[in-house]
């Protein structure tokens, strides 16, 4: 049993338009969701769209002309008059956001650039800064150059309430053709720093939600992989990374087993659920979750594990209904009965042919090697937990066949599937094709 498990699959950094037969993505053998607390097992999954928690408002005593600061900063970027190039590929403005601060504290504003990063690199770059204001005008307290986003719009930066010892600013920007950038900044009164960043090939990277109901919001980064085949193929692997505030920093939340010091029944139930989740057997992990939740655990580790399973298993299950290639969606969820139901729609002769109906005229066409690698990735994990899972062996044989033709490896996998499940007609008929 692994004692700690972090879901940190490689984020796809592929081009907007992938090319068939390009090298397969190489997700880590670690199960998803990244990156947890207690949502009941039947809870609605948390959508990976940004939902900042509104900070407590502090009344503004009197209006301040923020346009003056915007003009001043634009003039610094494009002296002397602050007019950017007219080609549309430059910073086009500066937004100023009044910040909510604790009562009695100095009033503060966040200023940030909008539009595109300047090209070439010696042109003005995106920035975010904190300012105060008094009778003598504007005073910069801290600033950072933004290295991640290519594009920032007027609504990209918001203040969020994460915890009260810092001011927190959230940025959702764009990169490339359709990728999303997430930055979370903290300001301690003197220093503005980047606390957390995330990237995804799709927009909508970050979300702030109190996952474990402790009154302190947590951060969810959407690390889902939309490049299972290609970006426009509509075949997605949901993955999330979760971070919690420890009192000193944002730390990743991981699936974690309990040690010998925990009560035996709680340890057994928790570790079973974790092992199933680590094996991408999320449907089974949900069943184990119900048993564990019924113990009403208050152990923080168990609470986070329950949240992790709910967050990711629910998203993976929902993907089955929207994916353009549900066979893989069932496999990613760990529902091998569901995958077998799809396979049973075809005869052995149809499946093991050059015109397999689960390849031709599907998103998998042209991506046979990628499909094989994803199936092997998932079934390697599943078989490590359930070595007698016949459907996993059958899928390995089929996936190898569609890529390599009839080989000894195909024969061995189909023989194993038929041996483990001799009452399954599809397995028996498929084995006969190898004779």
Protein backbone atom coordinates (compact mmCIF):
# COMPACT_ATOMS: atom_id res chain seq x y z
CA UNK A 1 0.00 0.00 0.00
CA UNK A 2 1.39 3.30 -0.93
CA UNK A 3 1.38 5.73 2.01
CA UNK A 4 1.02 8.82 -0.06
CA UNK A 5 -0.11 9.40 -3.56
CA UNK A 6 -0.14 12.65 -5.52
CA UNK A 7 -2.09 12.92 -8.72
CA UNK A 8 0.26 14.88 -10.88
CA UNK A 9 -0.14 13.68 -14.45
CA UNK A 10 1.96 15.50 -16.99
CA UNK A 11 0.02 18.51 -18.25
CA UNK A 12 -0.43 18.40 -22.00
CA UNK A 13 1.73 20.97 -23.71
CA UNK A 14 0.89 19.80 -27.21
CA UNK A 15 0.02 22.05 -30.09
CA UNK A 16 -3.54 23.12 -30.69
CA UNK A 17 -3.96 20.74 -33.59
CA UNK A 18 -2.40 17.35 -32.89
CA UNK A 19 -1.29 15.16 -35.78
CA UNK A 20 -2.50 11.55 -36.05
CA UNK A 21 0.07 8.93 -35.22
CA UNK A 22 2.08 11.41 -33.19
CA UNK A 23 3.75 9.94 -30.09
CA UNK A 24 1.29 8.89 -27.44
CA UNK A 25 0.93 11.05 -24.35
CA UNK A 26 2.80 9.63 -21.42
CA UNK A 27 0.67 10.01 -18.33
CA UNK A 28 2.30 8.93 -15.14
CA UNK A 29 1.34 5.59 -13.69
CA UNK A 30 -0.13 7.47 -10.80
CA UNK A 31 -3.88 7.75 -10.80
CA UNK A 32 -5.57 10.93 -11.15
CA UNK A 33 -6.94 13.39 -9.23
CA UNK A 34 -4.45 15.06 -8.38
CA UNK A 35 -4.62 16.51 -6.36
CA UNK A 36 -9.10 16.28 -0.99
CA UNK A 37 -12.25 16.09 2.55
CA UNK A 38 -15.74 15.04 3.04
CA UNK A 39 -18.23 15.28 0.26
CA UNK A 40 -20.81 12.60 0.85
CA UNK A 41 -20.47 9.75 -1.59
CA UNK A 42 -23.52 11.00 -3.48
CA UNK A 43 -22.41 14.61 -3.67
CA UNK A 44 -22.47 16.54 -6.92
CA UNK A 45 -18.93 16.86 -8.30
CA UNK A 46 -17.22 20.20 -8.10
CA UNK A 47 -16.96 21.70 -11.58
CA UNK A 48 -13.45 22.70 -12.62
CA UNK A 49 -14.52 26.27 -13.36
CA UNK A 50 -13.30 29.22 -11.34
CA UNK A 51 -15.62 30.15 -8.49
CA UNK A 52 -13.73 32.64 -6.34
CA UNK A 53 -14.97 33.16 -2.81
CA UNK A 54 -15.99 36.80 -2.42
CA UNK A 55 -13.87 38.54 0.21
CA UNK A 56 -15.54 40.49 2.97
CA UNK A 57 -16.24 43.92 1.58
CA UNK A 58 -14.71 46.99 3.18
CA UNK A 59 -16.64 50.17 2.42
CA UNK A 60 -14.72 52.68 0.33
CA UNK A 61 -14.67 55.98 2.23
CA UNK A 62 -14.35 58.15 -0.86
CA UNK A 63 -13.82 57.62 -4.57
CA UNK A 64 -10.33 57.66 -6.05
CA UNK A 65 -9.63 58.40 -9.72
CA UNK A 66 -8.12 55.11 -10.85
CA UNK A 67 -8.04 56.29 -14.46
CA UNK A 68 -5.12 58.47 -13.47
CA UNK A 69 -3.12 55.41 -12.40
CA UNK A 70 -4.06 53.53 -15.58
CA UNK A 71 -2.86 56.41 -17.73
CA UNK A 72 0.33 56.77 -15.70
CA UNK A 73 1.22 53.10 -16.10
CA UNK A 74 0.42 53.06 -19.81
CA UNK A 75 2.71 56.06 -20.27
CA UNK A 76 5.48 54.11 -18.55
CA UNK A 77 4.90 51.17 -20.89
CA UNK A 78 4.63 53.27 -24.06
CA UNK A 79 6.26 56.66 -23.51
CA UNK A 80 5.49 59.40 -23.76
CA UNK A 81 1.75 59.29 -24.46
CA UNK A 82 0.84 55.72 -23.47
CA UNK A 83 -0.43 54.72 -26.90
CA UNK A 84 0.29 51.06 -27.77
CA UNK A 85 0.98 49.80 -31.30
CA UNK A 86 -2.11 49.49 -33.43
CA UNK A 87 -1.40 45.94 -34.59
CA UNK A 88 -3.38 44.35 -31.74
CA UNK A 89 -0.47 42.25 -30.46
CA UNK A 90 0.51 44.35 -27.48
CA UNK A 91 -0.62 45.43 -24.05
CA UNK A 92 -3.65 47.60 -24.70
CA UNK A 93 -4.60 48.86 -21.25
CA UNK A 94 -4.21 48.77 -17.49
CA UNK A 95 -7.07 47.84 -15.18
CA UNK A 96 -7.19 48.99 -11.56
CA UNK A 97 -9.05 46.93 -8.98
CA UNK A 98 -9.94 48.34 -5.54
CA UNK A 99 -9.04 45.77 -2.90
CA UNK A 100 -10.95 44.87 0.21
CA UNK A 101 -8.68 45.24 3.23
CA UNK A 102 -9.30 44.74 6.95
CA UNK A 103 -10.93 47.67 8.70
CA UNK A 104 -8.44 50.31 9.75
CA UNK A 105 -5.79 49.19 7.25
CA UNK A 106 -4.31 51.25 4.45
CA UNK A 107 -6.43 51.28 1.31
CA UNK A 108 -4.91 49.33 -1.57
CA UNK A 109 -5.47 48.79 -5.29
CA UNK A 110 -4.24 46.13 -7.70
CA UNK A 111 -3.20 47.27 -11.17
CA UNK A 112 -2.68 44.81 -14.01
CA UNK A 113 -2.06 45.00 -17.73
CA UNK A 114 -4.51 43.71 -20.33
CA UNK A 115 -4.17 42.59 -23.92
CA UNK A 116 -1.26 40.57 -25.29
CA UNK A 117 2.30 40.27 -24.11
CA UNK A 118 4.52 42.35 -26.31
CA UNK A 119 6.50 40.66 -29.08
CA UNK A 120 9.45 40.47 -29.42
CA UNK A 121 10.36 39.90 -25.76
CA UNK A 122 11.95 43.33 -25.39
CA UNK A 123 8.49 44.86 -25.78
CA UNK A 124 6.39 45.58 -22.64
CA UNK A 125 5.37 42.48 -20.70
CA UNK A 126 2.31 41.80 -18.57
CA UNK A 127 2.50 42.83 -14.92
CA UNK A 128 0.50 42.99 -11.73
CA UNK A 129 1.19 45.50 -8.97
CA UNK A 130 -0.14 46.74 -5.63
CA UNK A 131 -0.59 50.48 -5.05
CA UNK A 132 -1.62 52.77 -2.23
CA UNK A 133 -2.90 56.33 -2.65
CA UNK A 134 -2.71 59.53 -0.62
CA UNK A 135 -2.66 63.28 -1.15
CA UNK A 136 0.67 62.98 -2.95
CA UNK A 137 -0.70 60.51 -5.48
CA UNK A 138 -0.11 56.83 -6.22
CA UNK A 139 2.62 54.76 -4.54
CA UNK A 140 3.75 51.37 -5.79
CA UNK A 141 4.18 48.90 -2.93
CA UNK A 142 5.04 45.75 -4.90
CA UNK A 143 4.91 44.39 -8.44
CA UNK A 144 5.56 41.25 -10.50
CA UNK A 145 6.11 40.60 -14.16
CA UNK A 146 3.72 37.91 -15.42
CA UNK A 147 5.64 35.20 -17.24
CA UNK A 148 2.80 32.72 -17.84
CA UNK A 149 -0.14 34.33 -19.64
CA UNK A 150 0.03 35.50 -23.24
CA UNK A 151 -3.35 37.19 -22.92
CA UNK A 152 -5.09 38.94 -20.02
CA UNK A 153 -8.50 40.56 -20.27
CA UNK A 154 -10.26 43.12 -18.09
CA UNK A 155 -11.90 40.47 -15.89
CA UNK A 156 -8.89 38.18 -15.56
CA UNK A 157 -7.87 39.34 -12.07
CA UNK A 158 -10.11 39.03 -9.01
CA UNK A 159 -9.56 39.25 -5.30
CA UNK A 160 -10.41 36.06 -3.43
CA UNK A 161 -10.70 35.22 0.25
CA UNK A 162 -8.42 32.30 0.98
CA UNK A 163 -7.22 33.16 4.49
CA UNK A 164 -6.95 36.50 6.35
CA UNK A 165 -3.20 36.88 6.87
CA UNK A 166 -2.64 37.82 3.20
CA UNK A 167 -4.44 39.54 0.39
CA UNK A 168 -5.03 37.03 -2.40
CA UNK A 169 -5.39 37.75 -6.10
CA UNK A 170 -6.51 35.24 -8.69
CA UNK A 171 -5.61 35.50 -12.38
CA UNK A 172 -7.09 33.46 -15.23
CA UNK A 173 -5.29 34.21 -18.49
CA UNK A 174 -4.80 32.66 -21.88
CA UNK A 175 -1.84 31.11 -23.66
CA UNK A 176 -1.47 29.97 -27.23
CA UNK A 177 -4.57 29.17 -29.26
CA UNK A 178 -6.84 27.93 -26.45
CA UNK A 179 -4.78 27.09 -23.37
CA UNK A 180 -5.55 28.45 -19.92
CA UNK A 181 -3.24 29.90 -17.29
CA UNK A 182 -3.98 30.18 -13.57
CA UNK A 183 -1.94 32.30 -11.14
CA UNK A 184 -2.67 32.82 -7.46
CA UNK A 185 -0.78 35.72 -5.85
CA UNK A 186 -0.39 36.57 -2.18
CA UNK A 187 0.48 39.96 -0.70
CA UNK A 188 1.70 40.14 2.90
CA UNK A 189 1.82 43.91 3.16
CA UNK A 190 5.30 44.20 1.71
CA UNK A 191 5.87 41.44 -0.83
CA UNK A 192 3.71 40.29 -3.72
CA UNK A 193 4.53 36.69 -4.65
CA UNK A 194 3.22 33.90 -6.86
CA UNK A 195 1.79 31.27 -4.51
CA UNK A 196 0.48 28.80 -7.07
CA UNK A 197 0.28 28.45 -10.84
CA UNK A 198 -1.43 26.05 -13.20
CA UNK A 199 -1.71 25.37 -16.90
CA UNK A 200 -4.17 23.45 -19.03
CA UNK A 201 -4.72 23.02 -22.75
CA UNK A 202 -8.24 24.33 -22.12
CA UNK A 203 -9.33 27.48 -20.29
CA UNK A 204 -10.84 27.42 -16.81
CA UNK A 205 -7.90 26.12 -14.80
CA UNK A 206 -8.58 27.14 -11.21
CA UNK A 207 -11.32 27.00 -8.63
CA UNK A 208 -11.51 27.92 -4.95
CA UNK A 209 -13.87 25.86 -2.77
CA UNK A 210 -13.87 24.72 0.85
CA UNK A 211 -13.57 21.00 0.20
CA UNK A 212 -13.23 19.73 3.74
CA UNK A 213 -15.69 22.09 5.41
CA UNK A 214 -13.08 23.50 7.78
CA UNK A 215 -13.92 27.10 6.94
CA UNK A 216 -10.72 27.60 4.90
CA UNK A 217 -11.12 27.50 1.11
CA UNK A 218 -8.98 25.10 -0.89
CA UNK A 219 -7.65 25.44 -4.43
CA UNK A 220 -8.53 23.02 -7.22
CA UNK A 221 -6.49 23.09 -10.41
CA UNK A 222 -8.02 21.46 -13.45
CA UNK A 223 -5.22 19.31 -14.89
CA UNK A 224 -7.51 17.24 -17.11
CA UNK A 225 -6.02 15.88 -20.32
CA UNK A 226 -8.01 16.87 -23.43
CA UNK A 227 -5.28 15.40 -25.65
CA UNK A 228 -6.16 11.74 -25.09
CA UNK A 229 -6.28 11.61 -28.89
CA UNK A 230 -6.38 15.16 -30.20
CA UNK A 231 -7.75 18.41 -28.82
CA UNK A 232 -10.86 18.41 -30.99
CA UNK A 233 -11.52 14.67 -30.60
CA UNK A 234 -13.66 15.25 -27.47
CA UNK A 235 -11.98 12.46 -25.51
CA UNK A 236 -10.91 13.74 -22.12
CA UNK A 237 -9.27 12.32 -18.99
CA UNK A 238 -10.45 14.31 -15.93
CA UNK A 239 -7.61 15.10 -13.53
CA UNK A 240 -7.46 17.58 -10.67
CA UNK A 241 -4.80 18.88 -8.32
CA UNK A 242 -5.94 20.07 -4.91
CA UNK A 243 -4.08 22.36 -2.52
CA UNK A 244 -4.93 23.37 1.04
CA UNK A 245 -3.71 26.21 3.24
CA UNK A 246 -1.60 24.77 6.07
CA UNK A 247 -1.31 28.04 7.98
CA UNK A 248 2.00 28.78 6.31
CA UNK A 249 1.69 27.68 2.69
CA UNK A 250 -0.45 26.01 0.06
CA UNK A 251 0.35 22.29 0.15
CA UNK A 252 -0.83 19.55 -2.26
CA UNK A 253 -3.46 17.13 -1.02
CA UNK A 254 -2.72 13.47 -1.68
CA UNK A 255 -4.40 10.11 -1.41
CA UNK A 256 -2.80 8.64 1.69
CA UNK A 257 -2.95 5.27 3.42
CA UNK A 258 -3.25 4.94 7.19
CA UNK A 259 -0.49 3.37 9.27
CA UNK A 260 -0.56 0.79 12.03
CA UNK A 261 -1.38 3.42 14.65
CA UNK A 262 -4.87 3.88 13.18
CA UNK A 263 -7.83 1.68 14.29
CA UNK A 264 -7.67 -1.58 12.36
CA UNK A 265 -11.16 -1.39 10.80
CA UNK A 266 -10.71 2.23 9.73
CA UNK A 267 -7.25 1.53 8.37
CA UNK A 268 -8.46 -1.46 6.35
CA UNK A 269 -11.42 0.41 4.84
CA UNK A 270 -9.38 3.52 4.05
CA UNK A 271 -6.47 1.67 2.53
CA UNK A 272 -8.73 -0.50 0.39
CA UNK A 273 -10.36 2.60 -1.07
CA UNK A 274 -7.00 4.27 -1.68
CA UNK A 275 -5.59 1.17 -3.40
CA UNK A 276 -8.60 0.94 -5.71
CA UNK A 277 -8.33 4.63 -6.59
CA UNK A 278 -4.62 4.31 -7.27
CA UNK A 279 -5.41 1.47 -9.66
CA UNK A 280 -7.88 3.64 -11.60
CA UNK A 281 -10.67 1.38 -10.34
CA UNK A 282 -12.75 4.40 -9.40
CA UNK A 283 -16.13 2.68 -9.58
CA UNK A 284 -14.96 0.12 -7.04
CA UNK A 285 -13.38 2.88 -4.97
CA UNK A 286 -16.80 4.54 -4.76
CA UNK A 287 -18.27 1.33 -3.37
CA UNK A 288 -15.47 1.16 -0.80
CA UNK A 289 -16.08 4.83 -0.06
CA UNK A 290 -19.64 4.13 1.07
CA UNK A 291 -18.40 1.65 3.65
CA UNK A 292 -15.74 4.06 4.88
CA UNK A 293 -18.10 7.04 5.04
CA UNK A 294 -20.52 4.91 7.06
CA UNK A 295 -17.92 4.80 9.83
CA UNK A 296 -18.34 8.58 10.24
CA UNK A 297 -14.57 9.10 10.34
CA UNK A 298 -13.08 12.32 11.68
CA UNK A 299 -9.49 11.46 10.85
CA UNK A 300 -8.26 14.32 8.58
CA UNK A 301 -6.45 11.93 6.27
CA UNK A 302 -9.59 9.86 5.74
CA UNK A 303 -11.69 12.96 5.25
CA UNK A 304 -9.42 14.18 2.46
CA UNK A 305 -9.31 10.72 0.86
CA UNK A 306 -13.08 10.59 0.72
CA UNK A 307 -13.16 13.98 -0.96
CA UNK A 308 -10.56 12.97 -3.50
CA UNK A 309 -12.52 9.90 -4.52
CA UNK A 310 -15.77 11.83 -4.83
CA UNK A 311 -14.22 14.66 -6.79
CA UNK A 312 -12.54 12.48 -9.36
CA UNK A 313 -14.73 9.40 -9.57
CA UNK A 314 -17.81 11.52 -10.19
CA UNK A 315 -16.07 13.52 -12.92
CA UNK A 316 -14.79 10.35 -14.57
CA UNK A 317 -18.25 8.75 -14.46
CA UNK A 318 -19.81 11.85 -16.01
CA UNK A 319 -17.26 11.77 -18.80
CA UNK A 320 -18.77 8.49 -20.02
CA UNK A 321 -21.94 10.31 -21.06
CA UNK A 322 -20.19 13.08 -23.00
CA UNK A 323 -17.10 11.41 -24.45
CA UNK A 324 -16.89 10.76 -28.18
CA UNK A 325 -15.15 7.48 -27.36
CA UNK A 326 -16.95 6.00 -24.34
CA UNK A 327 -14.92 2.77 -24.38
CA UNK A 328 -11.92 4.66 -23.02
CA UNK A 329 -14.12 6.65 -20.65
CA UNK A 330 -15.35 3.40 -19.09
CA UNK A 331 -11.76 2.18 -18.79
CA UNK A 332 -10.54 5.42 -17.19
CA UNK A 333 -13.38 5.15 -14.66
CA UNK A 334 -12.49 1.52 -13.99
CA UNK A 335 -15.87 0.21 -15.08
CA UNK A 336 -14.76 -2.87 -16.97
CA UNK A 337 -18.30 -4.28 -17.06
CA UNK A 338 -19.36 -1.15 -18.93
CA UNK A 339 -16.42 -1.53 -21.31
CA UNK A 340 -17.34 -5.17 -21.92
CA UNK A 341 -20.92 -4.17 -22.77
CA UNK A 342 -19.53 -2.00 -25.57
CA UNK A 343 -17.31 -4.82 -26.83
CA UNK A 344 -20.24 -7.26 -26.81
CA UNK A 345 -22.03 -5.16 -29.43
CA UNK A 346 -19.68 -6.69 -31.99
CA UNK A 347 -18.61 -10.19 -32.94
CA UNK A 348 -15.08 -11.47 -32.47
CA UNK A 349 -14.61 -11.39 -36.25
CA UNK A 350 -15.64 -7.73 -36.36
CA UNK A 351 -13.44 -6.66 -33.46
CA UNK A 352 -10.39 -8.50 -34.76
CA UNK A 353 -10.43 -7.22 -38.30
CA UNK A 354 -8.68 -4.51 -40.26
CA UNK A 355 -11.97 -2.59 -40.20
CA UNK A 356 -12.72 -2.91 -36.50
CA UNK A 357 -15.92 -0.91 -35.80
CA UNK A 358 -14.36 0.42 -32.61
CA UNK A 359 -11.69 2.11 -34.71
CA UNK A 360 -12.98 3.04 -38.16
CA UNK A 361 -15.16 6.15 -38.20
CA UNK A 362 -14.38 6.81 -34.54
CA UNK A 363 -12.01 9.30 -32.86
CA UNK A 364 -9.56 6.40 -32.43
CA UNK A 365 -8.98 6.13 -36.18
CA UNK A 366 -5.41 7.15 -36.89
CA UNK A 367 -4.62 6.98 -33.19
CA UNK A 368 -4.36 3.21 -32.80
CA UNK A 369 -0.95 3.35 -31.11
CA UNK A 370 -2.18 6.02 -28.71
CA UNK A 371 -5.28 3.96 -27.90
CA UNK A 372 -3.11 0.91 -27.22
CA UNK A 373 -0.87 2.89 -24.88
CA UNK A 374 -3.80 4.35 -22.91
CA UNK A 375 -5.39 0.89 -22.56
CA UNK A 376 -2.10 -0.56 -21.36
CA UNK A 377 -1.62 2.34 -18.94
CA UNK A 378 -5.03 1.76 -17.38
CA UNK A 379 -4.97 -2.04 -17.38
CA UNK A 380 -1.45 -2.19 -15.93
CA UNK A 381 -2.83 -0.38 -12.91
CA UNK A 382 -6.09 -2.33 -12.76
CA UNK A 383 -4.35 -5.71 -12.99
CA UNK A 384 -1.93 -4.71 -10.22
CA UNK A 385 -4.96 -4.63 -7.93
CA UNK A 386 -7.13 -7.26 -9.67
CA UNK A 387 -4.86 -9.69 -11.54
CA UNK A 388 -7.78 -11.92 -12.55
CA UNK A 389 -9.71 -9.14 -14.32
CA UNK A 390 -10.48 -10.98 -17.56
CA UNK A 391 -11.78 -7.96 -19.46
CA UNK A 392 -8.53 -6.12 -18.84
CA UNK A 393 -6.59 -8.95 -20.48
CA UNK A 394 -9.03 -9.04 -23.40
CA UNK A 395 -8.68 -5.29 -23.95
CA UNK A 396 -4.89 -5.61 -23.96
CA UNK A 397 -5.12 -8.29 -26.62
CA UNK A 398 -7.52 -6.28 -28.75
CA UNK A 399 -5.54 -3.05 -28.40
CA UNK A 400 -2.36 -4.83 -29.45
CA UNK A 401 -4.13 -6.41 -32.42
CA UNK A 402 -5.47 -3.16 -33.86
CA UNK A 403 -1.97 -1.72 -33.77
CA UNK A 404 0.28 -4.72 -34.53
CA UNK A 405 -1.96 -7.39 -36.00
CA UNK A 406 -2.12 -10.96 -34.69
CA UNK A 407 0.98 -11.53 -32.56
CA UNK A 408 2.01 -13.93 -29.82
CA UNK A 409 1.21 -11.20 -27.31
CA UNK A 410 -2.34 -10.95 -28.65
CA UNK A 411 -2.75 -14.72 -28.46
CA UNK A 412 -1.47 -14.84 -24.88
CA UNK A 413 -3.82 -12.08 -23.69
CA UNK A 414 -6.89 -13.58 -25.37
CA UNK A 415 -6.07 -17.02 -23.99
CA UNK A 416 -5.75 -15.53 -20.50
CA UNK A 417 -9.09 -13.73 -20.83
CA UNK A 418 -10.89 -16.90 -21.97
CA UNK A 419 -9.25 -18.91 -19.20
CA UNK A 420 -10.29 -16.45 -16.51
CA UNK A 421 -13.83 -16.09 -17.86
CA UNK A 422 -14.72 -19.26 -19.78
CA UNK A 423 -18.43 -18.44 -19.72
CA UNK A 424 -18.00 -15.22 -21.72
CA UNK A 425 -18.85 -16.08 -25.35
CA UNK A 426 -16.91 -13.13 -26.78
CA UNK A 427 -13.72 -14.20 -25.04
CA UNK A 428 -14.07 -17.81 -26.14
CA UNK A 429 -14.84 -16.88 -29.76
CA UNK A 430 -11.94 -14.45 -29.88
CA UNK A 431 -9.49 -17.03 -28.60
CA UNK A 432 -10.55 -19.39 -31.38
CA UNK A 433 -9.47 -16.79 -33.92
CA UNK A 434 -5.89 -17.26 -32.76
CA UNK A 435 -5.83 -21.01 -33.46
